[in-house]
Amino acid sequence: MAAFPQNARGFVRALILHSIFLLGLLGGAGCTGYAPSGTAGVAVTEGDRALRAGEAEAAVAAYRRALDGAPRNPVALHGLARAYSARGDVEAALGIYAGLEFGAPSYFGRARSDCAIVLDIAADDRKRKGDLEGELRLLERLGEVARGSDGYDLEGRLRRARLAGGEHSLATRRDERAESLYRAVLRDHSQNLDAVVGLAAALQAQNRNDEAAALLSAAAQAHPGSPAIHRAIDRLSQLRYPTPPANASP
């Protein structure tokens, strides 16, 4: 699958239809050894034809008929996943792709690019719904399926998702989860100050103040002009050495 520009969800959806069209043109010839025969094969051909015509519902019905005659056939399942994608039902499509990878791993390579596109769209949908954990899980899966493709801006998206997840985890007192997410960012971006500040906060929340102090001290040396690091150091100092009340006895 060709690379596509970042933040182009409409273009991504167009690629789904393009992929459907190409796979429909290939038909059974591209799936030698997998394509069903008899009435199931006829139903797959009808499904391919319906997808080329942009008739997603008719394609869904045809591929389901194929699966009635050839249960778990990978070509029919792949077609059904593409039909679900064409009508916008990405969650159903993802379920089928997961089953294909588990049940027909030798075939899944043929469906990998379609699965990646659906994962990309589903991750955006989860983000829009505020499901940060779901978004992160799908992006990590996309990284496995896409196998280093440069068309998904995975590095930047994963970083942003982990930072957002870390912030949300801190706010909901899941401090160990926050620590894990911030450390994941720092593994790939050791100088990311948002992750440094977030990790320090997660460590403080777990009463690991010495570790937080060492982390912030190193960051201050590397970035002496960073207001964010100095604010974090001030917060930690106040926590460790609180200012006594003005009327306190000497």
Protein backbone atom coordinates (compact mmCIF):
# COMPACT_ATOMS: atom_id res chain seq x y z
CA MET A 1 0.00 0.00 0.00
CA ALA A 2 1.40 3.35 -0.97
CA ALA A 3 2.21 5.90 1.75
CA PHE A 4 -0.32 8.62 2.33
CA PRO A 5 -0.08 12.04 3.93
CA GLN A 6 -0.53 12.67 7.62
CA ASN A 7 -3.91 13.94 8.84
CA ALA A 8 -5.72 12.92 5.66
CA ARG A 9 -8.53 10.77 6.93
CA GLY A 10 -10.67 11.40 3.86
CA PHE A 11 -7.83 10.23 1.68
CA VAL A 12 -7.41 7.13 3.83
CA ARG A 13 -11.04 6.22 3.31
CA ALA A 14 -10.55 6.69 -0.42
CA LEU A 15 -7.64 4.26 -0.22
CA ILE A 16 -9.94 1.66 1.29
CA LEU A 17 -12.17 1.87 -1.76
CA HIS A 18 -9.12 1.79 -4.04
CA SER A 19 -7.82 -1.31 -2.29
CA ILE A 20 -11.24 -2.93 -2.57
CA PHE A 21 -11.27 -2.21 -6.28
CA LEU A 22 -7.79 -3.65 -6.88
CA LEU A 23 -8.47 -6.79 -4.88
CA GLY A 24 -11.74 -7.22 -6.71
CA LEU A 25 -9.93 -7.03 -10.04
CA LEU A 26 -7.46 -9.67 -8.88
CA GLY A 27 -10.31 -11.93 -7.90
CA GLY A 28 -9.64 -15.61 -7.35
CA ALA A 29 -6.55 -15.58 -9.58
CA GLY A 30 -4.63 -13.73 -6.88
CA CYS A 31 -5.72 -16.18 -4.20
CA THR A 32 -4.86 -19.52 -5.75
CA GLY A 33 -5.28 -22.26 -3.19
CA TYR A 34 -7.60 -20.17 -1.03
CA ALA A 35 -10.57 -19.22 -3.20
CA PRO A 36 -13.71 -21.30 -2.59
CA SER A 37 -15.32 -23.24 -5.41
CA GLY A 38 -18.90 -24.00 -6.38
CA THR A 39 -21.68 -21.79 -5.04
CA ALA A 40 -19.34 -20.23 -2.46
CA GLY A 41 -16.99 -19.19 -5.24
CA VAL A 42 -19.86 -17.67 -7.19
CA ALA A 43 -20.91 -15.71 -4.10
CA VAL A 44 -17.36 -14.36 -3.65
CA THR A 45 -17.39 -13.21 -7.28
CA GLU A 46 -20.72 -11.47 -6.65
CA GLY A 47 -19.28 -9.80 -3.57
CA ASP A 48 -16.26 -8.56 -5.53
CA ARG A 49 -18.55 -7.20 -8.23
CA ALA A 50 -20.73 -5.43 -5.67
CA LEU A 51 -17.69 -3.80 -4.05
CA ARG A 52 -16.44 -2.56 -7.41
CA ALA A 53 -19.87 -1.02 -7.92
CA GLY A 54 -19.78 0.64 -4.49
CA GLU A 55 -22.64 -1.52 -3.16
CA ALA A 56 -21.35 -2.38 0.29
CA GLU A 57 -24.53 -3.93 1.66
CA ALA A 58 -24.90 -6.22 -1.34
CA ALA A 59 -21.24 -7.21 -0.93
CA VAL A 60 -21.77 -8.03 2.76
CA ALA A 61 -24.71 -10.27 1.85
CA ALA A 62 -22.76 -12.02 -0.91
CA TYR A 63 -19.72 -12.77 1.23
CA ARG A 64 -21.96 -14.06 4.00
CA ARG A 65 -23.54 -16.46 1.51
CA ALA A 66 -20.05 -17.57 0.54
CA LEU A 67 -19.23 -18.26 4.19
CA ASP A 68 -22.43 -20.29 4.55
CA GLY A 69 -20.99 -22.65 1.96
CA ALA A 70 -17.34 -22.37 2.97
CA PRO A 71 -17.09 -21.45 6.66
CA ARG A 72 -13.84 -19.71 7.64
CA ASN A 73 -12.67 -19.46 4.04
CA PRO A 74 -10.01 -16.69 4.13
CA VAL A 75 -10.93 -15.16 0.77
CA ALA A 76 -14.57 -14.83 1.79
CA LEU A 77 -13.62 -13.50 5.22
CA HIS A 78 -11.26 -10.96 3.68
CA GLY A 79 -14.01 -9.89 1.31
CA LEU A 80 -16.45 -9.51 4.20
CA ALA A 81 -13.93 -7.38 6.11
CA ARG A 82 -13.49 -5.15 3.05
CA ALA A 83 -17.25 -4.87 2.69
CA TYR A 84 -17.63 -3.87 6.33
CA SER A 85 -14.87 -1.28 5.82
CA ALA A 86 -16.63 0.09 2.77
CA ARG A 87 -19.79 0.72 4.76
CA GLY A 88 -17.82 2.29 7.63
CA ASP A 89 -18.07 -0.56 10.14
CA VAL A 90 -14.40 -0.64 11.08
CA GLU A 91 -14.87 -2.47 14.38
CA ALA A 92 -16.50 -5.44 12.63
CA ALA A 93 -13.73 -5.40 10.04
CA LEU A 94 -11.06 -5.42 12.77
CA GLY A 95 -12.66 -8.46 14.36
CA ILE A 96 -12.45 -10.36 11.08
CA TYR A 97 -8.83 -9.36 10.47
CA ALA A 98 -7.92 -10.56 13.97
CA GLY A 99 -9.56 -13.88 13.20
CA LEU A 100 -7.78 -14.12 9.86
CA GLU A 101 -4.39 -13.54 11.41
CA PHE A 102 -5.02 -16.18 14.05
CA GLY A 103 -6.83 -18.74 11.91
CA ALA A 104 -5.16 -18.26 8.52
CA PRO A 105 -1.71 -16.73 9.13
CA SER A 106 -0.40 -17.87 5.75
CA TYR A 107 -3.14 -15.86 4.07
CA PHE A 108 -3.03 -12.81 6.35
CA GLY A 109 -0.12 -11.28 4.46
CA ARG A 110 -2.53 -10.62 1.58
CA ALA A 111 -4.85 -8.73 3.94
CA ARG A 112 -2.17 -6.87 5.89
CA SER A 113 -2.40 -3.52 4.07
CA ASP A 114 -6.21 -3.46 4.32
CA CYS A 115 -5.99 -4.29 8.02
CA ALA A 116 -3.49 -1.45 8.55
CA ILE A 117 -5.82 1.09 6.95
CA VAL A 118 -8.71 -0.01 9.16
CA LEU A 119 -6.52 0.12 12.28
CA ASP A 120 -5.52 3.66 11.34
CA ILE A 121 -9.13 4.80 11.03
CA ALA A 122 -10.22 2.93 14.17
CA ALA A 123 -7.43 4.56 16.21
CA ASP A 124 -8.66 7.99 15.13
CA ASP A 125 -12.22 7.02 16.04
CA ARG A 126 -11.12 5.93 19.53
CA LYS A 127 -9.26 9.19 20.02
CA ARG A 128 -12.30 11.20 18.96
CA LYS A 129 -14.41 9.30 21.51
CA GLY A 130 -11.90 9.97 24.29
CA ASP A 131 -10.80 6.34 24.56
CA LEU A 132 -7.09 7.03 25.00
CA GLU A 133 -6.17 3.47 25.98
CA GLY A 134 -8.05 2.11 22.98
CA GLU A 135 -6.31 4.54 20.66
CA LEU A 136 -2.90 3.61 22.01
CA ARG A 137 -3.59 -0.11 21.77
CA LEU A 138 -4.66 0.23 18.12
CA LEU A 139 -1.67 2.41 17.23
CA GLU A 140 0.69 -0.15 18.73
CA ARG A 141 -1.06 -2.85 16.74
CA LEU A 142 -0.82 -0.70 13.62
CA GLY A 143 2.93 -0.53 14.14
CA GLU A 144 3.07 -4.33 14.10
CA VAL A 145 0.86 -4.71 11.04
CA ALA A 146 2.30 -1.84 8.99
CA ARG A 147 5.85 -3.13 9.48
CA GLY A 148 7.72 0.15 9.31
CA SER A 149 5.60 1.87 6.69
CA ASP A 150 6.30 5.61 6.59
CA GLY A 151 2.74 6.48 5.66
CA TYR A 152 1.15 6.53 9.10
CA ASP A 153 3.28 8.98 11.15
CA LEU A 154 3.34 6.27 13.80
CA GLU A 155 6.25 7.68 15.76
CA GLY A 156 4.59 11.04 16.32
CA ARG A 157 1.15 9.59 16.92
CA LEU A 158 2.42 7.07 19.45
CA ARG A 159 4.34 9.78 21.28
CA ARG A 160 1.30 12.04 21.49
CA ALA A 161 -0.96 9.17 22.53
CA ARG A 162 1.42 8.06 25.28
CA LEU A 163 1.81 11.59 26.61
CA ALA A 164 -1.96 12.08 26.66
CA GLY A 165 -2.41 8.68 28.29
CA GLY A 166 0.20 9.50 30.92
CA GLU A 167 -1.50 12.78 31.77
CA HIS A 168 -4.89 11.06 32.03
CA SER A 169 -3.44 8.26 34.15
CA LEU A 170 -1.95 10.78 36.58
CA ALA A 171 -5.27 12.59 36.81
CA THR A 172 -7.05 9.32 37.60
CA ARG A 173 -4.38 8.19 40.09
CA ARG A 174 -3.06 5.33 38.01
CA ASP A 175 0.48 6.37 38.78
CA GLU A 176 2.23 3.17 37.73
CA ARG A 177 0.48 3.25 34.36
CA ALA A 178 1.52 6.88 33.93
CA GLU A 179 5.11 5.95 34.75
CA SER A 180 5.04 3.16 32.16
CA LEU A 181 3.72 5.47 29.42
CA TYR A 182 6.21 8.26 30.12
CA ARG A 183 9.08 5.79 30.18
CA ALA A 184 7.91 4.44 26.81
CA VAL A 185 8.15 7.95 25.36
CA LEU A 186 11.62 8.48 26.83
CA ARG A 187 12.90 5.21 25.40
CA ASP A 188 12.49 6.68 21.92
CA HIS A 189 12.82 10.38 22.79
CA SER A 190 15.15 10.69 25.76
CA GLN A 191 15.05 14.50 25.73
CA ASN A 192 11.27 14.91 25.60
CA LEU A 193 10.65 17.40 28.40
CA ASP A 194 6.93 16.71 28.66
CA ALA A 195 7.74 13.07 29.36
CA VAL A 196 10.47 14.01 31.86
CA VAL A 197 8.11 16.29 33.79
CA GLY A 198 5.33 13.72 33.62
CA LEU A 199 7.59 10.90 34.80
CA ALA A 200 8.80 13.03 37.70
CA ALA A 201 5.19 13.65 38.70
CA ALA A 202 4.40 9.93 38.47
CA LEU A 203 7.39 9.12 40.67
CA GLN A 204 6.39 11.79 43.19
CA ALA A 205 2.88 10.36 43.31
CA GLN A 206 4.45 7.04 44.33
CA ASN A 207 6.57 8.74 47.02
CA ARG A 208 9.73 8.07 45.04
CA ASN A 209 10.98 11.61 45.51
CA ASP A 210 14.69 10.82 45.33
CA GLU A 211 14.24 9.26 41.91
CA ALA A 212 12.20 12.27 40.77
CA ALA A 213 14.88 14.64 42.07
CA ALA A 214 17.65 12.78 40.20
CA LEU A 215 15.62 12.80 37.00
CA LEU A 216 14.88 16.52 37.20
CA SER A 217 18.43 17.40 38.18
CA ALA A 218 19.79 15.66 35.08
CA ALA A 219 17.17 17.35 32.94
CA ALA A 220 18.04 20.78 34.38
CA GLN A 221 21.67 20.26 33.48
CA ALA A 222 20.78 19.24 29.94
CA HIS A 223 18.17 22.01 29.55
CA PRO A 224 19.16 24.84 31.91
CA GLY A 225 16.76 27.31 30.33
CA SER A 226 13.62 25.16 30.50
CA PRO A 227 10.84 26.82 32.54
CA ALA A 228 8.95 23.51 32.69
CA ILE A 229 11.84 21.72 34.35
CA HIS A 230 12.40 24.53 36.85
CA ARG A 231 8.69 24.58 37.73
CA ALA A 232 8.81 20.83 38.31
CA ILE A 233 11.88 21.24 40.53
CA ASP A 234 10.08 23.95 42.53
CA ARG A 235 7.05 21.69 43.01
CA LEU A 236 9.24 18.84 44.16
CA SER A 237 11.18 21.10 46.56
CA GLN A 238 7.95 22.37 48.07
CA LEU A 239 6.80 18.79 48.53
CA ARG A 240 10.02 17.70 50.17
CA TYR A 241 10.69 20.86 52.14
CA PRO A 242 7.35 22.60 52.68
CA THR A 243 7.48 26.27 53.68
CA PRO A 244 6.44 26.61 57.35
CA PRO A 245 3.46 28.84 58.18
CA ALA A 246 4.33 32.51 58.65
CA ASN A 247 3.31 32.41 62.34
CA ALA A 248 5.25 29.25 63.12
CA SER A 249 7.60 29.44 66.12
CA PRO A 250 11.30 29.59 65.30
